Amino acid sequence: MSRQQHIARTFIELADTLVEGFDIIDFLHRMTVRCQELLDVADAAVFLDHPGPRLHNSAPCGPGPLLQPVLDAACGQGPAMDAHLTARPVTTRSSTDADMLWPQFTPRLRAAGYTLATALPMRLRRDGIGSLLLLQTGGQPLSADDLALARAFADAAAIGLMQARTISRQHTVNEQLHTALQSRIVIEQAKGVLAARHGITLGQAFNSLRHHARHHRLLLGKVAQDVIDNQLTPDPAPARPRNNAAGTE
């Protein structure tokens, strides 16, 4: 698949939120994966707004022991929070400025091996729902083309999520966000159960959960709860080759 085809497929995925049984966790995870595949970034994470002073990292991405502190700090300060509050892209620049602006976030960013962080707001007109955080390990900031594409992904995801909330009349925005956050907790627990049960990595465990949910048209949270309750042991997901920017599947 060409890069242009890959980009087109991603926008179709981000628009596909009006289906019955829409799974917000799977949706957000696919968004982070597509960012890693199509942009010059090492990792990506989605943060959603929720009542209170902090953002919440709702997309499970199997963070390692170094990345998790970065995501935890980003919920309270850093580019992700600033992009959400200002409705503008925010990028780390000089180390001195970053240390002064975000004294808790920046040291964790460097300790994890990242050199640059860029965040894009996820908004529809005046309504902000969170932000997309992109982490790099190289010395060059995102190109203008990559930055424009990332912003388009963030905008498309925001529109898709807003549409899903409008259609789903029986739930308020806060209830949906609460459900997403609770599902994240259950999924993380199920990943640990599967990893211990099969002797696999947390990333492989998540792929197994996601593969079973999509194959059987179930919500990720339901599959995860069944695993925790020892009612289900999904088979390992088939290996998926990682796409590069211009390669093929």
Protein backbone atom coordinates (compact mmCIF):
# COMPACT_ATOMS: atom_id res chain seq x y z
CA MET A 1 0.00 0.00 0.00
CA SER A 2 1.33 3.42 -0.95
CA ARG A 3 1.65 6.27 1.53
CA GLN A 4 -1.29 8.10 -0.08
CA GLN A 5 -3.47 5.00 0.16
CA HIS A 6 -2.43 4.57 3.79
CA ILE A 7 -3.37 8.19 4.57
CA ALA A 8 -6.73 7.79 2.81
CA ARG A 9 -7.46 4.62 4.79
CA THR A 10 -6.65 6.44 8.03
CA PHE A 11 -9.12 9.24 7.33
CA ILE A 12 -11.81 6.65 6.56
CA GLU A 13 -11.08 4.95 9.90
CA LEU A 14 -11.25 8.25 11.78
CA ALA A 15 -14.61 9.04 10.17
CA ASP A 16 -16.09 5.63 10.98
CA THR A 17 -17.65 6.50 14.35
CA LEU A 18 -21.35 6.23 13.55
CA VAL A 19 -21.46 2.43 13.43
CA GLU A 20 -23.48 0.50 15.99
CA GLY A 21 -21.33 -0.57 18.92
CA PHE A 22 -18.67 2.09 18.30
CA ASP A 23 -15.62 1.30 20.47
CA ILE A 24 -13.85 4.48 21.58
CA ILE A 25 -10.83 2.64 23.00
CA ASP A 26 -10.16 0.79 19.74
CA PHE A 27 -10.69 4.02 17.82
CA LEU A 28 -8.13 5.95 19.85
CA HIS A 29 -5.61 3.11 19.72
CA ARG A 30 -5.83 2.93 15.92
CA MET A 31 -5.21 6.66 15.76
CA THR A 32 -1.95 6.38 17.72
CA VAL A 33 -0.80 3.43 15.59
CA ARG A 34 -1.46 5.33 12.36
CA CYS A 35 0.52 8.30 13.68
CA GLN A 36 3.50 6.03 14.35
CA GLU A 37 3.22 4.50 10.88
CA LEU A 38 2.79 7.70 8.88
CA LEU A 39 4.63 10.40 10.83
CA ASP A 40 8.27 10.82 11.86
CA VAL A 41 7.51 10.02 15.51
CA ALA A 42 8.55 7.29 17.93
CA ASP A 43 5.36 7.25 19.99
CA ALA A 44 1.92 8.86 20.08
CA ALA A 45 -0.73 9.18 22.76
CA VAL A 46 -4.23 10.63 22.97
CA PHE A 47 -5.40 12.63 25.99
CA LEU A 48 -9.06 13.37 26.68
CA ASP A 49 -10.57 16.11 28.79
CA HIS A 50 -12.65 15.15 31.83
CA PRO A 51 -14.02 17.14 34.77
CA GLY A 52 -11.09 18.21 36.91
CA PRO A 53 -7.75 19.95 36.39
CA ARG A 54 -6.04 17.08 34.53
CA LEU A 55 -6.26 15.36 31.18
CA HIS A 56 -6.51 11.57 30.98
CA ASN A 57 -4.55 9.22 28.73
CA SER A 58 -7.36 7.01 27.41
CA ALA A 59 -5.68 5.13 24.55
CA PRO A 60 -3.79 2.04 25.73
CA CYS A 61 -0.46 1.93 23.94
CA GLY A 62 1.47 -0.59 26.03
CA PRO A 63 3.90 1.99 27.46
CA GLY A 64 7.15 0.74 28.91
CA PRO A 65 8.52 1.71 32.32
CA LEU A 66 10.17 4.84 30.92
CA LEU A 67 7.27 6.06 28.78
CA GLN A 68 4.58 5.67 31.42
CA PRO A 69 6.00 8.43 33.69
CA VAL A 70 6.03 10.75 30.64
CA LEU A 71 2.34 10.08 30.00
CA ASP A 72 1.50 10.48 33.69
CA ALA A 73 3.24 13.86 33.82
CA ALA A 74 1.65 14.96 30.53
CA CYS A 75 -1.81 14.64 32.10
CA GLY A 76 -1.01 17.58 34.38
CA GLN A 77 1.52 19.72 32.50
CA GLY A 78 3.41 19.88 29.24
CA PRO A 79 2.56 20.30 25.55
CA ALA A 80 -0.58 18.12 25.68
CA MET A 81 -2.17 20.22 28.41
CA ASP A 82 -1.09 23.53 26.87
CA ALA A 83 -2.36 22.55 23.41
CA HIS A 84 -5.73 21.65 24.91
CA LEU A 85 -5.99 24.89 26.90
CA THR A 86 -4.76 27.25 24.16
CA ALA A 87 -6.31 25.43 21.15
CA ARG A 88 -2.96 25.75 19.38
CA PRO A 89 -0.12 23.36 18.52
CA VAL A 90 2.63 23.31 21.15
CA THR A 91 6.19 22.04 20.62
CA THR A 92 9.12 21.70 23.00
CA ARG A 93 12.00 23.83 21.80
CA SER A 94 15.01 24.83 23.89
CA SER A 95 15.75 22.68 26.92
CA THR A 96 15.98 25.74 29.15
CA ASP A 97 12.54 27.04 28.19
CA ALA A 98 11.00 23.57 28.48
CA ASP A 99 12.50 23.03 31.94
CA MET A 100 11.07 26.33 33.14
CA LEU A 101 7.63 25.77 31.62
CA TRP A 102 7.20 22.11 32.57
CA PRO A 103 9.56 21.18 35.44
CA GLN A 104 7.90 17.81 36.01
CA PHE A 105 7.26 16.81 32.40
CA THR A 106 10.57 17.72 30.73
CA PRO A 107 12.97 15.66 32.91
CA ARG A 108 10.80 12.58 32.40
CA LEU A 109 10.74 13.22 28.66
CA ARG A 110 14.53 13.25 28.51
CA ALA A 111 14.89 10.28 30.87
CA ALA A 112 12.75 8.22 28.51
CA GLY A 113 15.03 9.03 25.58
CA TYR A 114 12.78 11.50 23.78
CA THR A 115 14.18 14.72 22.39
CA LEU A 116 11.08 16.56 21.18
CA ALA A 117 7.37 16.56 21.94
CA THR A 118 4.59 18.12 19.88
CA ALA A 119 0.93 18.32 20.84
CA LEU A 120 -2.07 19.16 18.67
CA PRO A 121 -5.47 20.19 20.09
CA MET A 122 -8.45 17.98 19.35
CA ARG A 123 -11.31 20.43 18.83
CA LEU A 124 -14.43 21.11 16.84
CA ARG A 125 -14.88 24.86 16.59
CA ARG A 126 -14.92 26.04 20.24
CA ASP A 127 -15.36 22.62 21.78
CA GLY A 128 -12.12 21.01 22.91
CA ILE A 129 -12.05 17.35 23.90
CA GLY A 130 -8.32 16.77 24.43
CA SER A 131 -5.07 16.61 22.51
CA LEU A 132 -2.75 14.38 20.51
CA LEU A 133 0.84 14.07 21.79
CA LEU A 134 3.65 13.08 19.41
CA LEU A 135 7.08 12.08 20.77
CA GLN A 136 10.33 12.07 18.77
CA THR A 137 13.81 10.70 19.38
CA GLY A 138 15.61 12.56 16.58
CA GLY A 139 17.07 16.03 16.47
CA GLN A 140 14.76 17.61 13.90
CA PRO A 141 11.24 18.84 14.65
CA LEU A 142 8.32 17.56 12.62
CA SER A 143 8.31 18.75 9.04
CA ALA A 144 5.61 21.15 7.92
CA ASP A 145 3.95 18.33 5.96
CA ASP A 146 3.97 15.94 8.94
CA LEU A 147 2.68 18.66 11.25
CA ALA A 148 -0.17 19.46 8.84
CA LEU A 149 -1.06 15.77 8.53
CA ALA A 150 -1.00 15.28 12.30
CA ARG A 151 -3.27 18.27 12.77
CA ALA A 152 -5.65 16.88 10.15
CA PHE A 153 -5.72 13.54 12.02
CA ALA A 154 -6.49 15.34 15.31
CA ASP A 155 -9.27 17.39 13.68
CA ALA A 156 -10.78 14.33 11.98
CA ALA A 157 -10.73 12.36 15.23
CA ALA A 158 -12.37 15.24 17.12
CA ILE A 159 -15.14 15.51 14.52
CA GLY A 160 -15.70 11.75 14.59
CA LEU A 161 -15.93 11.65 18.38
CA MET A 162 -18.27 14.64 18.48
CA GLN A 163 -20.53 12.98 15.91
CA ALA A 164 -20.59 9.76 17.91
CA ARG A 165 -21.61 11.67 21.03
CA THR A 166 -24.34 13.56 19.19
CA ILE A 167 -25.84 10.33 17.84
CA SER A 168 -25.64 8.60 21.20
CA ARG A 169 -28.45 10.55 22.87
CA GLN A 170 -28.66 8.32 25.91
CA HIS A 171 -25.22 9.31 27.20
CA THR A 172 -23.75 12.66 28.11
CA VAL A 173 -20.19 13.59 27.13
CA ASN A 174 -18.96 13.11 30.67
CA GLU A 175 -20.54 9.67 30.94
CA GLN A 176 -18.86 8.56 27.71
CA LEU A 177 -15.48 9.80 28.85
CA HIS A 178 -15.97 8.08 32.20
CA THR A 179 -16.78 4.83 30.37
CA ALA A 180 -13.64 5.17 28.25
CA LEU A 181 -11.48 5.72 31.31
CA GLN A 182 -13.00 2.78 33.17
CA SER A 183 -12.53 0.57 30.10
CA ARG A 184 -8.87 1.58 30.00
CA ILE A 185 -8.40 0.30 33.55
CA VAL A 186 -10.09 -3.03 32.78
CA ILE A 187 -8.08 -3.45 29.57
CA GLU A 188 -4.78 -2.80 31.35
CA GLN A 189 -5.70 -5.44 33.94
CA ALA A 190 -6.63 -7.96 31.24
CA LYS A 191 -3.34 -7.31 29.44
CA GLY A 192 -1.47 -8.26 32.58
CA VAL A 193 -3.56 -11.41 33.03
CA LEU A 194 -2.95 -12.55 29.44
CA ALA A 195 0.75 -11.69 29.56
CA ALA A 196 1.21 -13.81 32.67
CA ARG A 197 -1.00 -16.61 31.36
CA HIS A 198 0.74 -16.98 27.98
CA GLY A 199 4.22 -15.65 28.78
CA ILE A 200 3.88 -12.85 26.20
CA THR A 201 4.49 -9.10 26.23
CA LEU A 202 1.86 -6.56 27.21
CA GLY A 203 1.78 -5.33 23.63
CA GLN A 204 1.10 -8.84 22.33
CA ALA A 205 -1.57 -9.29 24.97
CA PHE A 206 -3.33 -6.10 23.86
CA ASN A 207 -3.18 -7.16 20.22
CA SER A 208 -4.77 -10.48 21.21
CA LEU A 209 -7.62 -8.69 23.00
CA ARG A 210 -8.16 -6.31 20.10
CA HIS A 211 -8.05 -9.09 17.48
CA HIS A 212 -10.66 -11.14 19.37
CA ALA A 213 -12.92 -8.09 19.87
CA ARG A 214 -12.84 -7.11 16.20
CA HIS A 215 -13.18 -10.69 14.91
CA HIS A 216 -16.25 -11.34 17.08
CA ARG A 217 -17.67 -7.79 16.89
CA LEU A 218 -17.37 -7.21 20.63
CA LEU A 219 -16.29 -4.19 22.64
CA LEU A 220 -12.73 -4.29 23.93
CA GLY A 221 -13.95 -3.60 27.45
CA LYS A 222 -16.29 -6.62 27.34
CA VAL A 223 -13.53 -8.93 26.09
CA ALA A 224 -11.14 -7.61 28.75
CA GLN A 225 -13.68 -8.16 31.54
CA ASP A 226 -14.29 -11.74 30.35
CA VAL A 227 -10.56 -12.39 30.50
CA ILE A 228 -10.35 -11.03 34.04
CA ASP A 229 -13.35 -13.15 35.04
CA ASN A 230 -11.57 -16.22 33.57
CA GLN A 231 -14.41 -16.75 31.10
CA LEU A 232 -12.27 -16.23 28.00
CA THR A 233 -8.74 -16.96 26.79
CA PRO A 234 -8.34 -15.36 23.34
CA ASP A 235 -5.77 -16.84 21.00
CA PRO A 236 -2.65 -14.76 20.22
CA ALA A 237 -3.27 -12.28 17.42
CA PRO A 238 -1.54 -12.95 14.09
CA ALA A 239 1.64 -10.95 13.61
CA ARG A 240 1.07 -7.68 11.79
CA PRO A 241 3.93 -6.24 9.75
CA ARG A 242 4.75 -2.64 10.59
CA ASN A 243 4.25 -0.22 7.73
CA ASN A 244 6.82 2.41 6.90
CA ALA A 245 6.07 5.80 5.46
CA ALA A 246 6.34 4.72 1.85
CA GLY A 247 6.32 0.94 2.09
CA THR A 248 3.68 -1.70 1.58
CA GLU A 249 1.80 -4.01 3.89
